[in-house]
Amino acid sequence: MVGVSKGFAANIRVSIQPKTLDKISAVFPDLNTGWLLTGQGSMLVDKEVVKQNIEATDHSVANAYGEVNVGDPKAVAELLRAKDELLRAKDQIIEMQKAEIARLKAADKQ
């Protein structure tokens, strides 16, 4: 479904490129990619935890934005990293919601 071989899937924790992880996440939005990489935690994403992490990160980014010194490349890079993390988390929520909509539409057709 994501275009990888069975052998790759069997050794996924050894080496995985971000592009491949993004494909897997897009096809299986409820899959906890942290679990996939480490075997730690829950196999499935806890949607409530994701929402809480988004809110906390969003708040931290908003606070950092008001305090960042735009002349400090390290501070700007850290702010951009935090914003990127926030966008990825929000994308994950969107993908989960799309999957839920598709599931509900399929159930409605039956």
C-alpha atoms as a PDB file:
ATOM      1  CA  MET A   1       0.000   0.000   0.000  1.00  0.00           C
ATOM      2  CA  VAL A   2       2.940   2.348   0.592  1.00  0.00           C
ATOM      3  CA  GLY A   3       5.238   0.895  -2.053  1.00  0.00           C
ATOM      4  CA  VAL A   4       7.809  -0.954   0.064  1.00  0.00           C
ATOM      5  CA  SER A   5       8.896  -4.592  -0.098  1.00  0.00           C
ATOM      6  CA  LYS A   6       8.154  -7.187   2.588  1.00  0.00           C
ATOM      7  CA  GLY A   7      11.885  -7.322   3.341  1.00  0.00           C
ATOM      8  CA  PHE A   8      11.961  -3.581   3.926  1.00  0.00           C
ATOM      9  CA  ALA A   9       8.939  -3.830   6.197  1.00  0.00           C
ATOM     10  CA  ALA A  10      10.613  -6.608   8.188  1.00  0.00           C
ATOM     11  CA  ASN A  11      13.683  -4.418   8.806  1.00  0.00           C
ATOM     12  CA  ILE A  12      11.947  -1.069   9.126  1.00  0.00           C
ATOM     13  CA  ARG A  13      13.547  -0.221  12.474  1.00  0.00           C
ATOM     14  CA  VAL A  14      17.026  -0.595  11.013  1.00  0.00           C
ATOM     15  CA  SER A  15      16.710   2.171   8.436  1.00  0.00           C
ATOM     16  CA  ILE A  16      13.804   4.272   7.267  1.00  0.00           C
ATOM     17  CA  GLN A  17      13.848   7.482   5.291  1.00  0.00           C
ATOM     18  CA  PRO A  18      11.558  10.358   6.287  1.00  0.00           C
ATOM     19  CA  LYS A  19       9.790  10.168   2.888  1.00  0.00           C
ATOM     20  CA  THR A  20       8.865   6.545   3.512  1.00  0.00           C
ATOM     21  CA  LEU A  21       7.728   7.287   7.043  1.00  0.00           C
ATOM     22  CA  ASP A  22       5.548  10.097   5.677  1.00  0.00           C
ATOM     23  CA  LYS A  23       3.993   7.692   3.131  1.00  0.00           C
ATOM     24  CA  ILE A  24       3.256   5.142   5.842  1.00  0.00           C
ATOM     25  CA  SER A  25       1.761   7.838   8.055  1.00  0.00           C
ATOM     26  CA  ALA A  26      -0.437   9.095   5.206  1.00  0.00           C
ATOM     27  CA  VAL A  27      -1.771   5.608   4.425  1.00  0.00           C
ATOM     28  CA  PHE A  28      -2.111   4.594   8.090  1.00  0.00           C
ATOM     29  CA  PRO A  29      -2.825   7.819  10.008  1.00  0.00           C
ATOM     30  CA  ASP A  30      -3.788   5.965  13.194  1.00  0.00           C
ATOM     31  CA  LEU A  31      -0.402   4.202  13.316  1.00  0.00           C
ATOM     32  CA  ASN A  32       2.009   5.592  15.906  1.00  0.00           C
ATOM     33  CA  THR A  33       5.183   6.154  13.877  1.00  0.00           C
ATOM     34  CA  GLY A  34       7.185   6.351  17.109  1.00  0.00           C
ATOM     35  CA  TRP A  35       6.060   2.810  17.897  1.00  0.00           C
ATOM     36  CA  LEU A  36       6.956   1.760  14.358  1.00  0.00           C
ATOM     37  CA  LEU A  37      10.504   3.063  14.759  1.00  0.00           C
ATOM     38  CA  THR A  38      11.191   2.010  18.338  1.00  0.00           C
ATOM     39  CA  GLY A  39       8.627  -0.596  19.352  1.00  0.00           C
ATOM     40  CA  GLN A  40       7.906   1.585  22.392  1.00  0.00           C
ATOM     41  CA  GLY A  41       4.459   2.750  23.444  1.00  0.00           C
ATOM     42  CA  SER A  42       1.131   2.094  21.809  1.00  0.00           C
ATOM     43  CA  MET A  43       0.868   0.862  18.223  1.00  0.00           C
ATOM     44  CA  LEU A  44      -2.007   3.259  17.549  1.00  0.00           C
ATOM     45  CA  VAL A  45      -2.100   7.007  17.996  1.00  0.00           C
ATOM     46  CA  ASP A  46      -4.136   8.307  20.912  1.00  0.00           C
ATOM     47  CA  LYS A  47      -6.053  11.127  19.211  1.00  0.00           C
ATOM     48  CA  GLU A  48      -6.627  12.977  22.482  1.00  0.00           C
ATOM     49  CA  VAL A  49      -2.907  12.934  23.299  1.00  0.00           C
ATOM     50  CA  VAL A  50      -2.119  14.260  19.801  1.00  0.00           C
ATOM     51  CA  LYS A  51      -4.606  17.099  20.282  1.00  0.00           C
ATOM     52  CA  GLN A  52      -3.131  17.965  23.691  1.00  0.00           C
ATOM     53  CA  ASN A  53       0.402  17.940  22.230  1.00  0.00           C
ATOM     54  CA  ILE A  54      -0.725  20.253  19.443  1.00  0.00           C
ATOM     55  CA  GLU A  55      -2.252  22.678  21.920  1.00  0.00           C
ATOM     56  CA  ALA A  56       0.876  22.659  24.101  1.00  0.00           C
ATOM     57  CA  THR A  57       3.223  23.057  21.121  1.00  0.00           C
ATOM     58  CA  ASP A  58       1.017  25.763  19.614  1.00  0.00           C
ATOM     59  CA  HIS A  59       1.166  27.674  22.900  1.00  0.00           C
ATOM     60  CA  SER A  60       4.946  27.243  23.163  1.00  0.00           C
ATOM     61  CA  VAL A  61       5.461  28.406  19.575  1.00  0.00           C
ATOM     62  CA  ALA A  62       3.240  31.440  20.133  1.00  0.00           C
ATOM     63  CA  ASN A  63       5.241  32.356  23.252  1.00  0.00           C
ATOM     64  CA  ALA A  64       8.587  31.748  21.540  1.00  0.00           C
ATOM     65  CA  TYR A  65       7.598  33.827  18.530  1.00  0.00           C
ATOM     66  CA  GLY A  66       7.104  36.865  20.737  1.00  0.00           C
ATOM     67  CA  GLU A  67      10.520  36.331  22.346  1.00  0.00           C
ATOM     68  CA  VAL A  68      12.715  35.177  19.458  1.00  0.00           C
ATOM     69  CA  ASN A  69      15.602  37.375  18.398  1.00  0.00           C
ATOM     70  CA  VAL A  70      15.445  37.307  14.605  1.00  0.00           C
ATOM     71  CA  GLY A  71      19.149  38.166  14.490  1.00  0.00           C
ATOM     72  CA  ASP A  72      20.009  34.899  16.254  1.00  0.00           C
ATOM     73  CA  PRO A  73      20.132  32.091  13.657  1.00  0.00           C
ATOM     74  CA  LYS A  74      19.937  29.359  16.324  1.00  0.00           C
ATOM     75  CA  ALA A  75      16.807  30.890  17.865  1.00  0.00           C
ATOM     76  CA  VAL A  76      15.170  31.260  14.457  1.00  0.00           C
ATOM     77  CA  ALA A  77      16.091  27.672  13.531  1.00  0.00           C
ATOM     78  CA  GLU A  78      14.592  26.383  16.790  1.00  0.00           C
ATOM     79  CA  LEU A  79      11.402  28.358  16.183  1.00  0.00           C
ATOM     80  CA  LEU A  80      11.159  26.973  12.651  1.00  0.00           C
ATOM     81  CA  ARG A  81      11.719  23.432  13.974  1.00  0.00           C
ATOM     82  CA  ALA A  82       8.927  23.908  16.502  1.00  0.00           C
ATOM     83  CA  LYS A  83       6.589  25.279  13.842  1.00  0.00           C
ATOM     84  CA  ASP A  84       7.442  22.357  11.555  1.00  0.00           C
ATOM     85  CA  GLU A  85       6.654  19.923  14.376  1.00  0.00           C
ATOM     86  CA  LEU A  86       3.359  21.690  14.973  1.00  0.00           C
ATOM     87  CA  LEU A  87       2.422  21.494  11.297  1.00  0.00           C
ATOM     88  CA  ARG A  88       3.262  17.776  11.186  1.00  0.00           C
ATOM     89  CA  ALA A  89       1.047  17.159  14.213  1.00  0.00           C
ATOM     90  CA  LYS A  90      -1.796  19.121  12.646  1.00  0.00           C
ATOM     91  CA  ASP A  91      -1.331  17.192   9.387  1.00  0.00           C
ATOM     92  CA  GLN A  92      -1.582  13.978  11.393  1.00  0.00           C
ATOM     93  CA  ILE A  93      -4.926  15.101  12.862  1.00  0.00           C
ATOM     94  CA  ILE A  94      -6.187  15.996   9.388  1.00  0.00           C
ATOM     95  CA  GLU A  95      -5.191  12.570   8.020  1.00  0.00           C
ATOM     96  CA  MET A  96      -6.912  10.836  10.947  1.00  0.00           C
ATOM     97  CA  GLN A  97     -10.053  12.866  10.305  1.00  0.00           C
ATOM     98  CA  LYS A  98      -9.946  12.058   6.575  1.00  0.00           C
ATOM     99  CA  ALA A  99      -9.634   8.357   7.387  1.00  0.00           C
ATOM    100  CA  GLU A 100     -12.576   8.598   9.789  1.00  0.00           C
ATOM    101  CA  ILE A 101     -14.687  10.373   7.133  1.00  0.00           C
ATOM    102  CA  ALA A 102     -13.821   7.678   4.574  1.00  0.00           C
ATOM    103  CA  ARG A 103     -14.703   4.965   7.094  1.00  0.00           C
ATOM    104  CA  LEU A 104     -18.036   6.608   7.871  1.00  0.00           C
ATOM    105  CA  LYS A 105     -18.859   7.058   4.169  1.00  0.00           C
ATOM    106  CA  ALA A 106     -18.054   3.390   3.503  1.00  0.00           C
ATOM    107  CA  ALA A 107     -20.230   2.315   6.431  1.00  0.00           C
ATOM    108  CA  ASP A 108     -23.050   4.565   5.212  1.00  0.00           C
ATOM    109  CA  LYS A 109     -23.014   2.915   1.762  1.00  0.00           C
ATOM    110  CA  GLN A 110     -23.528  -0.538   3.281  1.00  0.00           C
END
